[in-house]
Amino acid sequence: PGTVEVSFELPDDQALAARVVEAIFQAHSYQEPVIRIQPILASRSKGLDDRANPNRWWNTTGDWKKVAASATETA
């Protein structure tokens, strides 16, 4: 059989992580599954100063949608 890797994210909650680890041990086909738990940091709003970029996820005016719609109409 091949190797399967499963990756998922949880909120920062140690009790929840402990329950998830226990469930993995209960469901796993052998006694020693490899489990790695790592904290992660993520941000959608930090980094390059591209607030004027019309394609940013917070752009609710939809000016990028107008360009996409006109391209679709001409296709």
PDB file of N, CA and C in Angstrom:
ATOM      1  N   PRO A   1       0.831  -1.209   0.000  1.00  0.00           N
ATOM      2  CA  PRO A   1       0.000   0.000   0.000  1.00  0.00           C
ATOM      3  C   PRO A   1       0.860   1.251   0.000  1.00  0.00           C
ATOM      4  N   GLY A   2       0.313   2.320  -0.548  1.00  0.00           N
ATOM      5  CA  GLY A   2       1.015   3.590  -0.601  1.00  0.00           C
ATOM      6  C   GLY A   2       0.896   4.368   0.690  1.00  0.00           C
ATOM      7  N   THR A   3       1.492   5.526   0.686  1.00  0.00           N
ATOM      8  CA  THR A   3       1.440   6.411   1.838  1.00  0.00           C
ATOM      9  C   THR A   3       0.433   7.507   1.571  1.00  0.00           C
ATOM     10  N   VAL A   4      -0.372   7.816   2.556  1.00  0.00           N
ATOM     11  CA  VAL A   4      -1.356   8.888   2.442  1.00  0.00           C
ATOM     12  C   VAL A   4      -1.019   9.945   3.472  1.00  0.00           C
ATOM     13  N   GLU A   5      -0.975  11.195   3.033  1.00  0.00           N
ATOM     14  CA  GLU A   5      -0.744  12.300   3.953  1.00  0.00           C
ATOM     15  C   GLU A   5      -2.012  13.124   4.032  1.00  0.00           C
ATOM     16  N   VAL A   6      -2.447  13.406   5.246  1.00  0.00           N
ATOM     17  CA  VAL A   6      -3.631  14.226   5.468  1.00  0.00           C
ATOM     18  C   VAL A   6      -3.193  15.465   6.221  1.00  0.00           C
ATOM     19  N   SER A   7      -3.631  16.620   5.760  1.00  0.00           N
ATOM     20  CA  SER A   7      -3.280  17.885   6.393  1.00  0.00           C
ATOM     21  C   SER A   7      -4.555  18.677   6.641  1.00  0.00           C
ATOM     22  N   PHE A   8      -4.666  19.294   7.806  1.00  0.00           N
ATOM     23  CA  PHE A   8      -5.828  20.123   8.105  1.00  0.00           C
ATOM     24  C   PHE A   8      -5.445  21.141   9.168  1.00  0.00           C
ATOM     25  N   GLU A   9      -6.300  22.124   9.353  1.00  0.00           N
ATOM     26  CA  GLU A   9      -6.048  23.186  10.327  1.00  0.00           C
ATOM     27  C   GLU A   9      -7.139  23.188  11.374  1.00  0.00           C
ATOM     28  N   LEU A  10      -6.749  23.551  12.598  1.00  0.00           N
ATOM     29  CA  LEU A  10      -7.670  23.657  13.722  1.00  0.00           C
ATOM     30  C   LEU A  10      -7.476  25.003  14.388  1.00  0.00           C
ATOM     31  N   PRO A  11      -8.485  25.492  15.097  1.00  0.00           N
ATOM     32  CA  PRO A  11      -8.271  26.684  15.906  1.00  0.00           C
ATOM     33  C   PRO A  11      -7.264  26.372  17.026  1.00  0.00           C
ATOM     34  N   ASP A  12      -6.683  27.393  17.598  1.00  0.00           N
ATOM     35  CA  ASP A  12      -5.700  27.224  18.671  1.00  0.00           C
ATOM     36  C   ASP A  12      -6.424  26.780  19.945  1.00  0.00           C
ATOM     37  N   ASP A  13      -6.634  25.478  20.065  1.00  0.00           N
ATOM     38  CA  ASP A  13      -7.394  24.908  21.181  1.00  0.00           C
ATOM     39  C   ASP A  13      -6.763  23.562  21.532  1.00  0.00           C
ATOM     40  N   GLN A  14      -6.023  23.517  22.640  1.00  0.00           N
ATOM     41  CA  GLN A  14      -5.295  22.298  22.994  1.00  0.00           C
ATOM     42  C   GLN A  14      -6.226  21.134  23.303  1.00  0.00           C
ATOM     43  N   ALA A  15      -7.367  21.399  23.908  1.00  0.00           N
ATOM     44  CA  ALA A  15      -8.314  20.321  24.215  1.00  0.00           C
ATOM     45  C   ALA A  15      -8.841  19.700  22.921  1.00  0.00           C
ATOM     46  N   LEU A  16      -9.150  20.547  21.944  1.00  0.00           N
ATOM     47  CA  LEU A  16      -9.617  20.043  20.652  1.00  0.00           C
ATOM     48  C   LEU A  16      -8.519  19.234  19.964  1.00  0.00           C
ATOM     49  N   ALA A  17      -7.289  19.734  20.003  1.00  0.00           N
ATOM     50  CA  ALA A  17      -6.173  19.013  19.388  1.00  0.00           C
ATOM     51  C   ALA A  17      -5.993  17.642  20.044  1.00  0.00           C
ATOM     52  N   ALA A  18      -6.130  17.574  21.350  1.00  0.00           N
ATOM     53  CA  ALA A  18      -6.001  16.295  22.050  1.00  0.00           C
ATOM     54  C   ALA A  18      -7.092  15.318  21.618  1.00  0.00           C
ATOM     55  N   ARG A  19      -8.319  15.811  21.443  1.00  0.00           N
ATOM     56  CA  ARG A  19      -9.416  14.942  20.989  1.00  0.00           C
ATOM     57  C   ARG A  19      -9.173  14.454  19.561  1.00  0.00           C
ATOM     58  N   VAL A  20      -8.660  15.343  18.707  1.00  0.00           N
ATOM     59  CA  VAL A  20      -8.371  14.957  17.321  1.00  0.00           C
ATOM     60  C   VAL A  20      -7.272  13.894  17.280  1.00  0.00           C
ATOM     61  N   VAL A  21      -6.221  14.080  18.058  1.00  0.00           N
ATOM     62  CA  VAL A  21      -5.134  13.095  18.103  1.00  0.00           C
ATOM     63  C   VAL A  21      -5.665  11.750  18.585  1.00  0.00           C
ATOM     64  N   GLU A  22      -6.489  11.754  19.609  1.00  0.00           N
ATOM     65  CA  GLU A  22      -7.060  10.503  20.111  1.00  0.00           C
ATOM     66  C   GLU A  22      -7.925   9.830  19.050  1.00  0.00           C
ATOM     67  N   ALA A  23      -8.704  10.603  18.314  1.00  0.00           N
ATOM     68  CA  ALA A  23      -9.538  10.040  17.244  1.00  0.00           C
ATOM     69  C   ALA A  23      -8.672   9.433  16.142  1.00  0.00           C
ATOM     70  N   ILE A  24      -7.552  10.082  15.823  1.00  0.00           N
ATOM     71  CA  ILE A  24      -6.643   9.532  14.806  1.00  0.00           C
ATOM     72  C   ILE A  24      -6.083   8.193  15.278  1.00  0.00           C
ATOM     73  N   PHE A  25      -5.664   8.122  16.536  1.00  0.00           N
ATOM     74  CA  PHE A  25      -5.144   6.857  17.059  1.00  0.00           C
ATOM     75  C   PHE A  25      -6.209   5.767  17.032  1.00  0.00           C
ATOM     76  N   GLN A  26      -7.446   6.117  17.341  1.00  0.00           N
ATOM     77  CA  GLN A  26      -8.524   5.124  17.350  1.00  0.00           C
ATOM     78  C   GLN A  26      -8.836   4.612  15.945  1.00  0.00           C
ATOM     79  N   ALA A  27      -8.747   5.484  14.950  1.00  0.00           N
ATOM     80  CA  ALA A  27      -9.138   5.119  13.586  1.00  0.00           C
ATOM     81  C   ALA A  27      -7.982   4.573  12.754  1.00  0.00           C
ATOM     82  N   HIS A  28      -6.752   4.794  13.190  1.00  0.00           N
ATOM     83  CA  HIS A  28      -5.598   4.422  12.379  1.00  0.00           C
ATOM     84  C   HIS A  28      -5.422   2.912  12.328  1.00  0.00           C
ATOM     85  N   SER A  29      -4.889   2.430  11.213  1.00  0.00           N
ATOM     86  CA  SER A  29      -4.770   0.985  10.997  1.00  0.00           C
ATOM     87  C   SER A  29      -3.622   0.336  11.778  1.00  0.00           C
ATOM     88  N   TYR A  30      -2.709   1.117  12.286  1.00  0.00           N
ATOM     89  CA  TYR A  30      -1.680   0.551  13.159  1.00  0.00           C
ATOM     90  C   TYR A  30      -1.438   1.522  14.303  1.00  0.00           C
ATOM     91  N   GLN A  31      -0.646   1.110  15.275  1.00  0.00           N
ATOM     92  CA  GLN A  31      -0.589   1.796  16.566  1.00  0.00           C
ATOM     93  C   GLN A  31       0.209   3.096  16.601  1.00  0.00           C
ATOM     94  N   GLU A  32       1.025   3.373  15.600  1.00  0.00           N
ATOM     95  CA  GLU A  32       1.905   4.531  15.690  1.00  0.00           C
ATOM     96  C   GLU A  32       1.811   5.438  14.468  1.00  0.00           C
ATOM     97  N   PRO A  33       0.700   6.118  14.278  1.00  0.00           N
ATOM     98  CA  PRO A  33       0.631   7.063  13.160  1.00  0.00           C
ATOM     99  C   PRO A  33       1.562   8.248  13.424  1.00  0.00           C
ATOM    100  N   VAL A  34       2.082   8.827  12.370  1.00  0.00           N
ATOM    101  CA  VAL A  34       2.926  10.014  12.494  1.00  0.00           C
ATOM    102  C   VAL A  34       2.004  11.225  12.551  1.00  0.00           C
ATOM    103  N   ILE A  35       2.105  11.981  13.631  1.00  0.00           N
ATOM    104  CA  ILE A  35       1.264  13.170  13.809  1.00  0.00           C
ATOM    105  C   ILE A  35       2.187  14.341  14.116  1.00  0.00           C
ATOM    106  N   ARG A  36       2.058  15.403  13.353  1.00  0.00           N
ATOM    107  CA  ARG A  36       2.816  16.637  13.596  1.00  0.00           C
ATOM    108  C   ARG A  36       1.814  17.745  13.852  1.00  0.00           C
ATOM    109  N   ILE A  37       1.978  18.441  14.960  1.00  0.00           N
ATOM    110  CA  ILE A  37       1.120  19.583  15.267  1.00  0.00           C
ATOM    111  C   ILE A  37       2.017  20.808  15.330  1.00  0.00           C
ATOM    112  N   GLN A  38       1.709  21.804  14.486  1.00  0.00           N
ATOM    113  CA  GLN A  38       2.531  23.005  14.411  1.00  0.00           C
ATOM    114  C   GLN A  38       1.640  24.238  14.446  1.00  0.00           C
ATOM    115  N   PRO A  39       2.040  25.264  15.187  1.00  0.00           N
ATOM    116  CA  PRO A  39       1.303  26.529  15.105  1.00  0.00           C
ATOM    117  C   PRO A  39       1.620  27.209  13.771  1.00  0.00           C
ATOM    118  N   ILE A  40       0.649  27.880  13.212  1.00  0.00           N
ATOM    119  CA  ILE A  40       0.876  28.615  11.966  1.00  0.00           C
ATOM    120  C   ILE A  40       0.349  30.030  12.115  1.00  0.00           C
ATOM    121  N   LEU A  41       0.926  30.916  11.364  1.00  0.00           N
ATOM    122  CA  LEU A  41       0.470  32.295  11.299  1.00  0.00           C
ATOM    123  C   LEU A  41       0.090  32.585   9.860  1.00  0.00           C
ATOM    124  N   ALA A  42      -1.002  33.279   9.670  1.00  0.00           N
ATOM    125  CA  ALA A  42      -1.429  33.625   8.319  1.00  0.00           C
ATOM    126  C   ALA A  42      -2.034  35.018   8.333  1.00  0.00           C
ATOM    127  N   SER A  43      -1.853  35.718   7.255  1.00  0.00           N
ATOM    128  CA  SER A  43      -2.436  37.044   7.123  1.00  0.00           C
ATOM    129  C   SER A  43      -2.739  37.311   5.671  1.00  0.00           C
ATOM    130  N   ARG A  44      -3.865  37.885   5.425  1.00  0.00           N
ATOM    131  CA  ARG A  44      -4.218  38.279   4.066  1.00  0.00           C
ATOM    132  C   ARG A  44      -4.007  39.770   3.852  1.00  0.00           C
ATOM    133  N   SER A  45      -3.714  40.498   4.908  1.00  0.00           N
ATOM    134  CA  SER A  45      -3.663  41.944   4.754  1.00  0.00           C
ATOM    135  C   SER A  45      -2.279  42.538   4.973  1.00  0.00           C
ATOM    136  N   LYS A  46      -1.275  41.742   5.294  1.00  0.00           N
ATOM    137  CA  LYS A  46       0.064  42.273   5.509  1.00  0.00           C
ATOM    138  C   LYS A  46       0.965  41.863   4.362  1.00  0.00           C
ATOM    139  N   GLY A  47       1.995  42.611   4.156  1.00  0.00           N
ATOM    140  CA  GLY A  47       2.924  42.295   3.075  1.00  0.00           C
ATOM    141  C   GLY A  47       3.100  43.506   2.192  1.00  0.00           C
ATOM    142  N   LEU A  48       3.011  43.314   0.899  1.00  0.00           N
ATOM    143  CA  LEU A  48       3.196  44.420  -0.029  1.00  0.00           C
ATOM    144  C   LEU A  48       2.091  45.451   0.133  1.00  0.00           C
ATOM    145  N   ASP A  49       2.452  46.702  -0.079  1.00  0.00           N
ATOM    146  CA  ASP A  49       1.451  47.767  -0.005  1.00  0.00           C
ATOM    147  C   ASP A  49       0.755  47.862  -1.354  1.00  0.00           C
ATOM    148  N   ASP A  50      -0.227  47.017  -1.554  1.00  0.00           N
ATOM    149  CA  ASP A  50      -0.955  47.037  -2.820  1.00  0.00           C
ATOM    150  C   ASP A  50      -2.438  47.324  -2.588  1.00  0.00           C
ATOM    151  N   ARG A  51      -2.699  48.263  -1.682  1.00  0.00           N
ATOM    152  CA  ARG A  51      -4.089  48.627  -1.383  1.00  0.00           C
ATOM    153  C   ARG A  51      -4.817  49.151  -2.606  1.00  0.00           C
ATOM    154  N   ALA A  52      -4.093  49.709  -3.557  1.00  0.00           N
ATOM    155  CA  ALA A  52      -4.730  50.239  -4.764  1.00  0.00           C
ATOM    156  C   ALA A  52      -4.985  49.148  -5.803  1.00  0.00           C
ATOM    157  N   ASN A  53      -4.517  47.947  -5.557  1.00  0.00           N
ATOM    158  CA  ASN A  53      -4.707  46.846  -6.497  1.00  0.00           C
ATOM    159  C   ASN A  53      -6.194  46.487  -6.564  1.00  0.00           C
ATOM    160  N   PRO A  54      -6.833  46.627  -7.715  1.00  0.00           N
ATOM    161  CA  PRO A  54      -8.265  46.352  -7.807  1.00  0.00           C
ATOM    162  C   PRO A  54      -8.598  44.872  -7.688  1.00  0.00           C
ATOM    163  N   ASN A  55      -7.611  44.007  -7.718  1.00  0.00           N
ATOM    164  CA  ASN A  55      -7.867  42.571  -7.621  1.00  0.00           C
ATOM    165  C   ASN A  55      -7.757  42.029  -6.202  1.00  0.00           C
ATOM    166  N   ARG A  56      -7.526  42.899  -5.230  1.00  0.00           N
ATOM    167  CA  ARG A  56      -7.427  42.441  -3.850  1.00  0.00           C
ATOM    168  C   ARG A  56      -8.765  41.897  -3.388  1.00  0.00           C
ATOM    169  N   TRP A  57      -8.718  40.959  -2.457  1.00  0.00           N
ATOM    170  CA  TRP A  57      -9.931  40.283  -2.004  1.00  0.00           C
ATOM    171  C   TRP A  57     -10.914  41.231  -1.334  1.00  0.00           C
ATOM    172  N   TRP A  58     -10.461  42.361  -0.804  1.00  0.00           N
ATOM    173  CA  TRP A  58     -11.398  43.261  -0.141  1.00  0.00           C
ATOM    174  C   TRP A  58     -12.033  44.261  -1.104  1.00  0.00           C
ATOM    175  N   ASN A  59     -11.706  44.164  -2.370  1.00  0.00           N
ATOM    176  CA  ASN A  59     -12.273  45.081  -3.352  1.00  0.00           C
ATOM    177  C   ASN A  59     -13.731  44.696  -3.595  1.00  0.00           C
ATOM    178  N   THR A  60     -14.632  45.413  -2.966  1.00  0.00           N
ATOM    179  CA  THR A  60     -16.055  45.072  -3.082  1.00  0.00           C
ATOM    180  C   THR A  60     -16.755  45.843  -4.188  1.00  0.00           C
ATOM    181  N   THR A  61     -16.050  46.769  -4.832  1.00  0.00           N
ATOM    182  CA  THR A  61     -16.714  47.551  -5.879  1.00  0.00           C
ATOM    183  C   THR A  61     -16.856  46.763  -7.164  1.00  0.00           C
ATOM    184  N   GLY A  62     -16.043  45.749  -7.327  1.00  0.00           N
ATOM    185  CA  GLY A  62     -16.193  44.864  -8.469  1.00  0.00           C
ATOM    186  C   GLY A  62     -15.684  45.415  -9.782  1.00  0.00           C
ATOM    187  N   ASP A  63     -14.780  46.419  -9.759  1.00  0.00           N
ATOM    188  CA  ASP A  63     -14.270  46.933 -11.025  1.00  0.00           C
ATOM    189  C   ASP A  63     -13.499  45.852 -11.785  1.00  0.00           C
ATOM    190  N   TRP A  64     -12.898  44.904 -11.098  1.00  0.00           N
ATOM    191  CA  TRP A  64     -12.222  43.799 -11.771  1.00  0.00           C
ATOM    192  C   TRP A  64     -13.239  42.875 -12.429  1.00  0.00           C
ATOM    193  N   LYS A  65     -14.449  42.805 -11.857  1.00  0.00           N
ATOM    194  CA  LYS A  65     -15.495  41.966 -12.446  1.00  0.00           C
ATOM    195  C   LYS A  65     -15.950  42.544 -13.782  1.00  0.00           C
ATOM    196  N   LYS A  66     -15.971  43.877 -13.870  1.00  0.00           N
ATOM    197  CA  LYS A  66     -16.395  44.525 -15.114  1.00  0.00           C
ATOM    198  C   LYS A  66     -15.442  44.170 -16.253  1.00  0.00           C
ATOM    199  N   VAL A  67     -14.144  44.154 -15.952  1.00  0.00           N
ATOM    200  CA  VAL A  67     -13.153  43.809 -16.966  1.00  0.00           C
ATOM    201  C   VAL A  67     -13.336  42.355 -17.389  1.00  0.00           C
ATOM    202  N   ALA A  68     -13.533  41.471 -16.426  1.00  0.00           N
ATOM    203  CA  ALA A  68     -13.721  40.051 -16.737  1.00  0.00           C
ATOM    204  C   ALA A  68     -15.002  39.834 -17.528  1.00  0.00           C
ATOM    205  N   ALA A  69     -16.065  40.560 -17.186  1.00  0.00           N
ATOM    206  CA  ALA A  69     -17.339  40.402 -17.888  1.00  0.00           C
ATOM    207  C   ALA A  69     -17.225  40.878 -19.329  1.00  0.00           C
ATOM    208  N   SER A  70     -16.539  42.003 -19.559  1.00  0.00           N
ATOM    209  CA  SER A  70     -16.408  42.500 -20.927  1.00  0.00           C
ATOM    210  C   SER A  70     -15.541  41.562 -21.764  1.00  0.00           C
ATOM    211  N   ALA A  71     -14.538  40.927 -21.148  1.00  0.00           N
ATOM    212  CA  ALA A  71     -13.706  39.964 -21.871  1.00  0.00           C
ATOM    213  C   ALA A  71     -14.525  38.733 -22.249  1.00  0.00           C
ATOM    214  N   THR A  72     -15.432  38.328 -21.370  1.00  0.00           N
ATOM    215  CA  THR A  72     -16.283  37.171 -21.650  1.00  0.00           C
ATOM    216  C   THR A  72     -17.265  37.478 -22.769  1.00  0.00           C
ATOM    217  N   GLU A  73     -17.785  38.704 -22.787  1.00  0.00           N
ATOM    218  CA  GLU A  73     -18.754  39.091 -23.810  1.00  0.00           C
ATOM    219  C   GLU A  73     -18.120  39.132 -25.197  1.00  0.00           C
ATOM    220  N   THR A  74     -16.843  39.525 -25.272  1.00  0.00           N
ATOM    221  CA  THR A  74     -16.180  39.622 -26.574  1.00  0.00           C
ATOM    222  C   THR A  74     -15.656  38.273 -27.055  1.00  0.00           C
ATOM    223  N   ALA A  75     -15.623  37.292 -26.169  1.00  0.00           N
ATOM    224  CA  ALA A  75     -15.088  35.965 -26.544  1.00  0.00           C
ATOM    225  C   ALA A  75     -16.089  35.148 -27.327  1.00  0.00           C
TER     226      ALA A  75
END
